[in-house]
Amino acid sequence: MKYEVLASQGVVDEWRVEAVDYASEGECYLTIFSGPDAKQRAEEYAAVMNAAAVDHDVDVYIKTLKAIDPGASDDSYARLRDR
């Protein structure tokens, strides 16, 4: 899976990080960054996620996702560990 940074169409200072998981059921992942330094934050996020994908280090994925959504339960990430 490769995470790509794209400018949002028609929205100023908004950047999208998109990925498609072709190894499973073609699930799509989208993260939107807006505001100050949005492009830089999107690029950093994509770099971390791409590095984790290369290393197949699920714990890096989970740590990154929890940083984005600290309210998520551990159960919501159980499927990632089962791969």
Protein backbone atom coordinates (compact mmCIF):
# COMPACT_ATOMS: atom_id res chain seq x y z
CA MET A 1 0.00 0.00 0.00
CA LYS A 2 1.36 3.42 -0.91
CA TYR A 3 0.21 6.65 0.68
CA GLU A 4 0.12 9.63 -1.66
CA VAL A 5 -0.17 13.36 -0.89
CA LEU A 6 -2.58 15.28 -3.10
CA ALA A 7 -3.88 18.84 -3.05
CA SER A 8 -7.62 18.99 -2.42
CA GLN A 9 -9.50 20.33 -5.42
CA GLY A 10 -11.16 23.68 -4.83
CA VAL A 11 -10.09 24.04 -1.18
CA VAL A 12 -7.23 26.35 -0.23
CA ASP A 13 -4.64 25.00 2.24
CA GLU A 14 -6.12 21.50 2.32
CA TRP A 15 -4.09 18.39 1.51
CA ARG A 16 -5.20 14.76 1.30
CA VAL A 17 -3.27 11.59 1.98
CA GLU A 18 -4.84 8.69 0.12
CA ALA A 19 -4.07 4.97 -0.02
CA VAL A 20 -5.79 1.90 -1.46
CA ASP A 21 -5.19 -1.52 0.07
CA TYR A 22 -5.16 -3.76 -2.99
CA ALA A 23 -3.95 -6.69 -0.89
CA SER A 24 -7.32 -6.95 0.85
CA GLU A 25 -10.69 -5.91 -0.49
CA GLY A 26 -9.54 -2.65 -2.08
CA GLU A 27 -10.21 -0.63 1.04
CA CYS A 28 -9.53 3.10 0.65
CA TYR A 29 -7.95 5.26 3.32
CA LEU A 30 -8.18 9.04 3.36
CA THR A 31 -6.73 11.56 5.80
CA ILE A 32 -7.27 15.30 5.31
CA PHE A 33 -4.94 18.01 6.61
CA SER A 34 -5.92 21.67 6.59
CA GLY A 35 -4.70 24.95 7.97
CA PRO A 36 -1.17 26.12 8.64
CA ASP A 37 1.55 23.73 7.46
CA ALA A 38 -1.05 21.31 6.10
CA LYS A 39 1.12 20.19 3.21
CA GLN A 40 4.11 19.56 5.48
CA ARG A 41 2.00 17.61 7.97
CA ALA A 42 0.46 15.55 5.17
CA GLU A 43 3.91 14.75 3.76
CA GLU A 44 5.21 13.73 7.19
CA TYR A 45 2.19 11.50 7.78
CA ALA A 46 2.55 9.86 4.35
CA ALA A 47 6.26 9.27 4.95
CA VAL A 48 5.60 7.56 8.30
CA MET A 49 2.84 5.41 6.85
CA ASN A 50 4.88 4.46 3.79
CA ALA A 51 7.86 3.53 5.98
CA ALA A 52 5.60 1.38 8.13
CA ALA A 53 4.18 -0.32 5.02
CA VAL A 54 7.68 -1.17 3.80
CA ASP A 55 8.70 -2.52 7.18
CA HIS A 56 5.34 -4.25 7.66
CA ASP A 57 5.47 -2.89 11.18
CA VAL A 58 1.84 -2.89 12.30
CA ASP A 59 2.76 -1.27 15.61
CA VAL A 60 3.98 1.83 13.75
CA TYR A 61 0.61 2.02 11.95
CA ILE A 62 -1.27 1.69 15.20
CA LYS A 63 0.87 4.27 17.02
CA THR A 64 0.35 6.76 14.19
CA LEU A 65 -3.38 6.12 13.99
CA LYS A 66 -3.77 6.47 17.76
CA ALA A 67 -1.95 9.81 17.63
CA ILE A 68 -4.53 11.00 15.10
CA ASP A 69 -7.52 9.55 16.97
CA PRO A 70 -6.56 9.12 20.66
CA GLY A 71 -10.16 8.25 21.56
CA ALA A 72 -10.18 5.08 19.48
CA SER A 73 -10.22 1.81 21.38
CA ASP A 74 -7.59 -0.88 20.93
CA ASP A 75 -10.32 -3.12 19.49
CA SER A 76 -10.60 -0.84 16.48
CA TYR A 77 -7.02 -1.78 15.54
CA ALA A 78 -7.26 -5.51 16.22
CA ARG A 79 -7.89 -6.26 12.54
CA LEU A 80 -4.53 -4.71 11.63
CA ARG A 81 -2.68 -7.06 13.97
CA ASP A 82 -4.42 -10.11 12.50
CA ARG A 83 -2.76 -9.63 9.11
